[in-house]
Amino acid sequence: MNTQHNGQDSVTRHDWSVAEVEALFATPFNDLMFQAQTVHRQHFDPNEVQVSTLLSIKTGACPEDCKYCPQSGHYNTGLKKEKLMEVQRVLEKAKQAKESGTSRFCMGAAWKNPPAKDFPYVLEMVKGVKELGLETCMTLGKLSQEQTEQLKEAGLDYYNHNLDSSKEFYDSIITTRSYSDRMETLSYVRDSGMKICSGGIVGMGETVRDRAGLLVNLANLPVHPESVPINMLVKVDGTPLGDIDDLEPFDFIRCIAVARIMMPKSHVRLSAGREEMNEQMQSMAFLAGANSIFYGECLLTTPNPAAHKDKMLFEKLGIRPERRVVKNDDSQQEASLLEQVQKKQDEALFVDAAAV
């Protein structure tokens, strides 16, 4: 890891105030970028980016009324509705993703919460993807404590559940699920021992104070989310936000930089909206501290830069996919050593007939 930097090490905090974060957003752009890159280099290799693939395993007809989402059953966006994918099809997609260089396979379903009749199939997907040697992530909506524990037992590494925006702005975007519902699901996930993937969306008409409030709510969790996706709104015709004004690119980059400063050890994901970003904007996001992307041509139901374009950009910037380090716990290590000892003992029982 490259840890060369100027200044003192960043401090992991959980006591941010909205006023402090608003002041960060108001920092001169070059100063903010320098601070974010300095923090980034303290904790990560600046030339590595974690690569994930996201697959929609159940599309459309969601009962939620999220104003940004083409999968909501409340809006007519022309999206083709699909039932839950078969387990084998999901595993085939995961194999393809692994061959393309993905280290984490994320599966998303358009549910308010997972139906009991479909949940056993979801668990089989987790187990199957895990057996392929990939990290696993799911986003299925609100979870019960029992469902959370079952996902953990099946081998799920990450659960994605975005806060979307500040608590103050949230009710103007979503009315079918409360902010406290989202916080409760995050609490279940953390208590289970799984890792949290949680971020938000910018460009929905929110203020800088709302962006600051979102990041404060994430950074002040008992443990920072291991993955923080910062999404730029993808405008879709038929949704209430389909004709909202475009977000200023520098405002988006500031969100990445501030997230990096506030959550120094988290992976900050350059997520939805990359299709609308040119190479220069994406490069600036990496400089601001983004070190995770979704890879592939589709991000749930909205376009994402084709894989070959990502590879070309990585080559131009000298960036490489982050290498996944698999850590075995003590029991796994002990079992592995016993297996090796047994193998040696078994070998000693056989005589090389050719040598007799």
Protein backbone atom coordinates (compact mmCIF):
# COMPACT_ATOMS: atom_id res chain seq x y z
CA MET A 1 0.00 0.00 0.00
CA ASN A 2 1.23 3.49 -0.84
CA THR A 3 1.00 5.50 2.37
CA GLN A 4 3.15 8.48 1.44
CA HIS A 5 1.43 11.67 2.46
CA ASN A 6 1.93 15.09 3.94
CA GLY A 7 0.51 16.15 7.27
CA GLN A 8 -0.84 14.08 10.10
CA ASP A 9 -2.85 10.89 9.83
CA SER A 10 -6.60 11.30 9.49
CA VAL A 11 -8.70 10.50 12.54
CA THR A 12 -11.76 8.26 12.30
CA ARG A 13 -14.62 10.23 13.80
CA HIS A 14 -18.26 9.55 14.61
CA ASP A 15 -19.19 12.99 15.94
CA TRP A 16 -19.47 15.16 12.84
CA SER A 17 -21.82 18.13 12.84
CA VAL A 18 -23.69 19.37 9.78
CA ALA A 19 -22.07 22.79 10.16
CA GLU A 20 -18.58 21.26 10.04
CA VAL A 21 -19.41 19.34 6.89
CA GLU A 22 -20.98 22.38 5.23
CA ALA A 23 -17.66 24.14 5.87
CA LEU A 24 -15.85 21.27 4.11
CA PHE A 25 -18.13 21.64 1.10
CA ALA A 26 -17.28 25.37 1.04
CA THR A 27 -13.52 24.71 1.01
CA PRO A 28 -11.74 26.00 -2.12
CA PHE A 29 -11.85 23.16 -4.64
CA ASN A 30 -8.10 22.57 -4.99
CA ASP A 31 -7.64 22.58 -1.21
CA LEU A 32 -10.49 20.10 -0.79
CA MET A 33 -9.04 17.80 -3.46
CA PHE A 34 -5.60 17.92 -1.87
CA GLN A 35 -7.00 17.10 1.56
CA ALA A 36 -9.09 14.22 0.20
CA GLN A 37 -6.19 12.72 -1.76
CA THR A 38 -3.90 13.04 1.27
CA VAL A 39 -6.42 11.14 3.42
CA HIS A 40 -6.91 8.57 0.67
CA ARG A 41 -3.20 7.76 0.47
CA GLN A 42 -3.03 7.16 4.22
CA HIS A 43 -5.32 4.15 3.93
CA PHE A 44 -5.36 2.90 0.33
CA ASP A 45 -3.16 2.31 -2.68
CA PRO A 46 -4.09 5.36 -4.80
CA ASN A 47 -3.83 3.32 -8.01
CA GLU A 48 -6.16 0.48 -7.06
CA VAL A 49 -9.93 0.45 -7.52
CA GLN A 50 -12.25 -2.23 -6.16
CA VAL A 51 -14.40 -3.66 -8.97
CA SER A 52 -17.94 -4.99 -8.46
CA THR A 53 -20.65 -6.28 -10.79
CA LEU A 54 -24.31 -5.60 -10.08
CA LEU A 55 -27.09 -7.86 -11.37
CA SER A 56 -30.82 -7.22 -11.12
CA ILE A 57 -32.21 -10.58 -9.98
CA LYS A 58 -35.81 -9.30 -9.85
CA THR A 59 -36.83 -6.27 -11.89
CA GLY A 60 -39.73 -3.81 -11.68
CA ALA A 61 -43.14 -3.66 -9.98
CA CYS A 62 -41.66 -2.42 -6.71
CA PRO A 63 -44.34 -1.10 -4.29
CA GLU A 64 -42.05 1.73 -3.12
CA ASP A 65 -42.62 5.25 -4.51
CA CYS A 66 -38.98 6.44 -4.68
CA LYS A 67 -39.22 9.39 -7.08
CA TYR A 68 -35.91 8.62 -8.77
CA CYS A 69 -36.51 4.94 -9.49
CA PRO A 70 -37.70 3.43 -12.79
CA GLN A 71 -38.49 0.17 -10.96
CA SER A 72 -41.27 1.75 -8.91
CA GLY A 73 -44.71 0.38 -9.71
CA HIS A 74 -46.08 3.89 -9.16
CA TYR A 75 -44.62 5.27 -12.42
CA ASN A 76 -44.88 4.32 -16.09
CA THR A 77 -41.31 4.21 -17.36
CA GLY A 78 -41.69 1.44 -19.94
CA LEU A 79 -39.52 -0.89 -17.87
CA LYS A 80 -40.15 -4.57 -18.55
CA LYS A 81 -41.11 -6.35 -15.34
CA GLU A 82 -39.33 -9.63 -14.59
CA LYS A 83 -39.80 -12.29 -11.92
CA LEU A 84 -37.01 -13.52 -9.67
CA MET A 85 -34.23 -15.05 -11.76
CA GLU A 86 -33.49 -18.75 -11.48
CA VAL A 87 -30.56 -19.58 -9.23
CA GLN A 88 -28.56 -21.23 -12.03
CA ARG A 89 -28.89 -18.18 -14.29
CA VAL A 90 -27.58 -15.96 -11.51
CA LEU A 91 -24.60 -18.25 -10.97
CA GLU A 92 -23.80 -18.21 -14.69
CA LYS A 93 -23.77 -14.39 -14.60
CA ALA A 94 -21.50 -14.51 -11.56
CA LYS A 95 -19.03 -16.80 -13.37
CA GLN A 96 -18.93 -14.37 -16.29
CA ALA A 97 -18.34 -11.48 -13.91
CA LYS A 98 -15.46 -13.30 -12.24
CA GLU A 99 -13.84 -14.00 -15.61
CA SER A 100 -14.04 -10.28 -16.45
CA GLY A 101 -12.09 -9.32 -13.31
CA THR A 102 -14.84 -8.65 -10.78
CA SER A 103 -14.04 -9.36 -7.13
CA ARG A 104 -17.52 -8.74 -5.70
CA PHE A 105 -20.87 -9.82 -7.13
CA CYS A 106 -23.86 -7.74 -6.08
CA MET A 107 -27.47 -8.85 -6.53
CA GLY A 108 -30.41 -6.47 -6.36
CA ALA A 109 -34.15 -7.17 -6.19
CA ALA A 110 -36.97 -4.62 -6.55
CA TRP A 111 -38.76 -5.45 -3.30
CA LYS A 112 -39.92 -3.43 -0.33
CA ASN A 113 -38.83 -6.46 1.68
CA PRO A 114 -37.98 -10.02 0.58
CA PRO A 115 -41.07 -12.30 0.26
CA ALA A 116 -40.95 -15.48 2.32
CA LYS A 117 -41.62 -17.68 -0.73
CA ASP A 118 -38.59 -16.31 -2.61
CA PHE A 119 -36.14 -16.05 0.27
CA PRO A 120 -34.84 -19.68 0.11
CA TYR A 121 -33.79 -19.07 -3.51
CA VAL A 122 -32.00 -15.88 -2.49
CA LEU A 123 -30.04 -17.83 0.11
CA GLU A 124 -29.04 -20.41 -2.52
CA MET A 125 -27.76 -17.60 -4.75
CA VAL A 126 -25.55 -16.32 -1.94
CA LYS A 127 -24.15 -19.78 -1.25
CA GLY A 128 -23.49 -20.44 -4.95
CA VAL A 129 -21.74 -17.14 -5.62
CA LYS A 130 -19.67 -17.57 -2.46
CA GLU A 131 -18.50 -20.99 -3.69
CA LEU A 132 -17.17 -19.31 -6.84
CA GLY A 133 -14.69 -17.40 -4.68
CA LEU A 134 -16.38 -14.01 -5.07
CA GLU A 135 -17.40 -11.58 -2.36
CA THR A 136 -21.18 -11.41 -2.12
CA CYS A 137 -23.47 -8.41 -1.76
CA MET A 138 -27.25 -8.05 -1.91
CA THR A 139 -29.84 -5.29 -1.82
CA LEU A 140 -33.33 -6.61 -1.18
CA GLY A 141 -35.06 -3.82 0.70
CA LYS A 142 -36.00 -3.81 4.37
CA LEU A 143 -34.91 -6.90 6.31
CA SER A 144 -36.20 -8.53 9.45
CA GLN A 145 -33.68 -9.56 12.07
CA GLU A 146 -34.27 -13.24 11.22
CA GLN A 147 -33.70 -12.65 7.48
CA THR A 148 -30.50 -10.77 8.26
CA GLU A 149 -29.17 -13.65 10.33
CA GLN A 150 -30.08 -16.15 7.59
CA LEU A 151 -28.20 -14.12 4.98
CA LYS A 152 -25.17 -13.98 7.25
CA GLU A 153 -25.30 -17.74 7.80
CA ALA A 154 -25.54 -18.31 4.02
CA GLY A 155 -22.27 -16.39 3.59
CA LEU A 156 -23.34 -12.89 2.54
CA ASP A 157 -20.45 -10.45 2.95
CA TYR A 158 -22.14 -7.08 2.28
CA TYR A 159 -25.68 -5.77 2.45
CA ASN A 160 -26.53 -2.61 0.52
CA HIS A 161 -29.17 -0.31 1.98
CA ASN A 162 -28.80 3.34 1.03
CA LEU A 163 -30.03 6.22 3.17
CA ASP A 164 -30.52 8.14 -0.11
CA SER A 165 -30.42 11.65 1.36
CA SER A 166 -30.66 13.61 4.58
CA LYS A 167 -33.46 12.86 7.00
CA GLU A 168 -34.89 16.33 6.33
CA PHE A 169 -35.06 15.88 2.54
CA TYR A 170 -36.02 12.21 2.57
CA ASP A 171 -39.81 12.63 2.90
CA SER A 172 -39.96 14.68 -0.31
CA ILE A 173 -38.46 11.75 -2.23
CA ILE A 174 -39.98 8.66 -0.56
CA THR A 175 -43.17 8.16 1.48
CA THR A 176 -43.53 4.35 1.51
CA ARG A 177 -40.60 3.67 3.85
CA SER A 178 -39.35 5.78 6.72
CA TYR A 179 -35.81 6.91 7.44
CA SER A 180 -35.95 5.03 10.74
CA ASP A 181 -36.84 1.84 8.81
CA ARG A 182 -33.60 2.21 6.86
CA MET A 183 -31.56 2.85 9.99
CA GLU A 184 -33.11 -0.23 11.63
CA THR A 185 -32.07 -2.46 8.71
CA LEU A 186 -28.53 -1.08 8.88
CA SER A 187 -28.49 -1.87 12.60
CA TYR A 188 -29.58 -5.47 11.97
CA VAL A 189 -26.87 -5.88 9.32
CA ARG A 190 -24.14 -4.49 11.56
CA ASP A 191 -25.21 -6.57 14.55
CA SER A 192 -25.16 -9.73 12.43
CA GLY A 193 -21.49 -9.22 11.57
CA MET A 194 -22.06 -8.47 7.89
CA LYS A 195 -20.49 -5.43 6.28
CA ILE A 196 -22.57 -2.41 5.35
CA CYS A 197 -22.78 -0.81 1.93
CA SER A 198 -24.71 2.43 2.31
CA GLY A 199 -24.63 5.80 0.60
CA GLY A 200 -26.97 8.11 -1.25
CA ILE A 201 -27.98 9.98 -4.37
CA VAL A 202 -27.12 13.56 -5.27
CA GLY A 203 -28.75 15.68 -7.93
CA MET A 204 -32.36 15.19 -6.77
CA GLY A 205 -32.88 18.88 -6.00
CA GLU A 206 -31.40 18.69 -2.51
CA THR A 207 -29.34 21.47 -0.92
CA VAL A 208 -25.69 21.36 0.14
CA ARG A 209 -26.98 21.10 3.70
CA ASP A 210 -28.89 17.96 2.72
CA ARG A 211 -25.74 16.44 1.20
CA ALA A 212 -23.89 17.28 4.39
CA GLY A 213 -26.70 15.72 6.45
CA LEU A 214 -26.54 12.49 4.45
CA LEU A 215 -22.79 12.14 5.01
CA VAL A 216 -23.12 13.02 8.70
CA ASN A 217 -25.72 10.26 9.18
CA LEU A 218 -23.39 7.75 7.51
CA ALA A 219 -20.19 8.85 9.24
CA ASN A 220 -21.81 9.01 12.68
CA LEU A 221 -22.96 5.37 12.58
CA PRO A 222 -21.25 3.23 15.28
CA VAL A 223 -18.98 1.86 12.53
CA HIS A 224 -18.46 3.55 9.18
CA PRO A 225 -19.99 1.65 6.24
CA GLU A 226 -17.28 -0.43 4.61
CA SER A 227 -18.62 0.70 1.23
CA VAL A 228 -20.15 4.14 0.53
CA PRO A 229 -21.74 4.48 -2.92
CA ILE A 230 -22.18 8.07 -4.09
CA ASN A 231 -24.76 8.02 -6.87
CA MET A 232 -25.42 10.82 -9.33
CA LEU A 233 -29.10 10.86 -10.26
CA VAL A 234 -29.84 9.10 -13.54
CA LYS A 235 -32.89 10.89 -14.87
CA VAL A 236 -35.52 8.52 -16.29
CA ASP A 237 -38.57 9.65 -18.24
CA GLY A 238 -41.77 8.82 -16.41
CA THR A 239 -40.34 9.35 -12.93
CA PRO A 240 -41.09 12.60 -11.01
CA LEU A 241 -37.40 13.56 -11.27
CA GLY A 242 -37.14 12.84 -14.98
CA ASP A 243 -36.79 16.50 -15.96
CA ILE A 244 -34.93 17.97 -12.98
CA ASP A 245 -31.93 20.23 -13.68
CA ASP A 246 -28.57 18.52 -14.20
CA LEU A 247 -26.16 18.44 -11.28
CA GLU A 248 -23.04 20.60 -11.64
CA PRO A 249 -20.10 18.14 -12.06
CA PHE A 250 -17.92 19.97 -9.53
CA ASP A 251 -20.69 19.59 -6.92
CA PHE A 252 -20.62 15.85 -7.45
CA ILE A 253 -16.82 15.68 -7.13
CA ARG A 254 -17.06 17.65 -3.88
CA CYS A 255 -19.39 14.94 -2.51
CA ILE A 256 -16.81 12.27 -3.28
CA ALA A 257 -14.01 14.28 -1.66
CA VAL A 258 -15.99 15.09 1.49
CA ALA A 259 -17.07 11.45 1.87
CA ARG A 260 -13.43 10.38 1.61
CA ILE A 261 -12.34 12.85 4.30
CA MET A 262 -15.16 11.89 6.67
CA MET A 263 -14.90 8.11 6.20
CA PRO A 264 -11.18 7.60 5.54
CA LYS A 265 -11.12 3.80 5.69
CA SER A 266 -14.29 3.15 3.68
CA HIS A 267 -14.37 2.31 0.00
CA VAL A 268 -16.10 5.26 -1.68
CA ARG A 269 -17.90 3.99 -4.76
CA LEU A 270 -18.31 5.99 -7.94
CA SER A 271 -21.71 4.51 -8.64
CA ALA A 272 -24.80 5.40 -10.69
CA GLY A 273 -24.40 8.18 -13.22
CA ARG A 274 -21.03 7.15 -14.67
CA GLU A 275 -22.61 6.80 -18.12
CA GLU A 276 -23.11 10.58 -18.12
CA MET A 277 -19.54 11.28 -16.97
CA ASN A 278 -16.66 11.78 -19.39
CA GLU A 279 -13.24 10.29 -18.68
CA GLN A 280 -11.97 13.53 -17.19
CA MET A 281 -14.81 13.70 -14.64
CA GLN A 282 -14.33 10.07 -13.64
CA SER A 283 -10.58 10.63 -13.30
CA MET A 284 -11.21 13.60 -11.03
CA ALA A 285 -13.52 11.44 -8.91
CA PHE A 286 -10.70 8.90 -8.45
CA LEU A 287 -8.39 11.75 -7.48
CA ALA A 288 -11.00 12.90 -4.93
CA GLY A 289 -10.87 9.49 -3.27
CA ALA A 290 -13.30 7.23 -5.10
CA ASN A 291 -11.84 3.72 -5.18
CA SER A 292 -14.71 1.44 -6.11
CA ILE A 293 -16.89 1.10 -9.21
CA PHE A 294 -19.57 -1.09 -10.71
CA TYR A 295 -18.28 -2.86 -13.78
CA GLY A 296 -20.37 -3.88 -16.78
CA GLU A 297 -22.93 -2.45 -19.17
CA CYS A 298 -25.93 -2.15 -16.87
CA LEU A 299 -26.40 -0.97 -13.30
CA LEU A 300 -29.69 -2.61 -12.28
CA THR A 301 -31.87 -0.94 -14.94
CA THR A 302 -29.83 2.09 -16.03
CA PRO A 303 -26.83 2.21 -18.39
CA ASN A 304 -23.24 1.89 -17.13
CA PRO A 305 -20.03 2.35 -19.16
CA ALA A 306 -19.15 -0.79 -21.12
CA ALA A 307 -16.46 -2.95 -19.56
CA HIS A 308 -13.93 -2.31 -22.33
CA LYS A 309 -14.24 1.45 -21.77
CA ASP A 310 -13.43 0.99 -18.10
CA LYS A 311 -10.37 -1.09 -18.99
CA MET A 312 -9.18 1.58 -21.40
CA LEU A 313 -9.60 4.31 -18.77
CA PHE A 314 -7.76 2.21 -16.18
CA GLU A 315 -4.88 1.80 -18.63
CA LYS A 316 -4.73 5.55 -19.30
CA LEU A 317 -4.64 6.33 -15.57
CA GLY A 318 -2.35 3.46 -14.53
CA ILE A 319 -5.11 2.07 -12.32
CA ARG A 320 -5.53 -1.64 -11.63
CA PRO A 321 -8.36 -3.62 -10.01
CA GLU A 322 -7.94 -4.05 -6.27
CA ARG A 323 -6.69 -7.48 -5.31
CA ARG A 324 -8.97 -9.34 -2.93
CA VAL A 325 -7.24 -10.70 0.15
CA VAL A 326 -9.02 -13.67 1.68
CA LYS A 327 -8.40 -13.94 5.43
CA ASN A 328 -9.09 -17.29 7.07
CA ASP A 329 -10.16 -17.30 10.68
CA ASP A 330 -8.31 -19.45 13.23
CA SER A 331 -10.66 -22.43 12.86
CA GLN A 332 -10.27 -22.40 9.07
CA GLN A 333 -6.48 -22.22 9.38
CA GLU A 334 -6.49 -25.09 11.89
CA ALA A 335 -8.65 -27.24 9.61
CA SER A 336 -6.36 -26.48 6.67
CA LEU A 337 -3.25 -27.49 8.66
CA LEU A 338 -4.88 -30.72 9.85
CA GLU A 339 -5.82 -31.52 6.26
CA GLN A 340 -2.21 -31.03 5.15
CA VAL A 341 -0.88 -33.22 8.02
CA GLN A 342 -3.39 -35.96 7.19
CA LYS A 343 -2.36 -35.83 3.53
CA LYS A 344 1.30 -36.32 4.48
CA GLN A 345 0.40 -39.23 6.74
CA ASP A 346 -1.66 -40.85 4.00
CA GLU A 347 1.19 -40.48 1.53
CA ALA A 348 3.53 -42.24 3.99
CA LEU A 349 1.28 -45.32 3.97
CA PHE A 350 1.87 -45.95 0.25
CA VAL A 351 4.98 -47.55 -1.24
CA ASP A 352 6.34 -46.60 -4.66
CA ALA A 353 6.08 -50.00 -6.38
CA ALA A 354 8.47 -48.93 -9.13
CA ALA A 355 11.22 -48.41 -6.56
CA VAL A 356 10.88 -51.90 -5.02
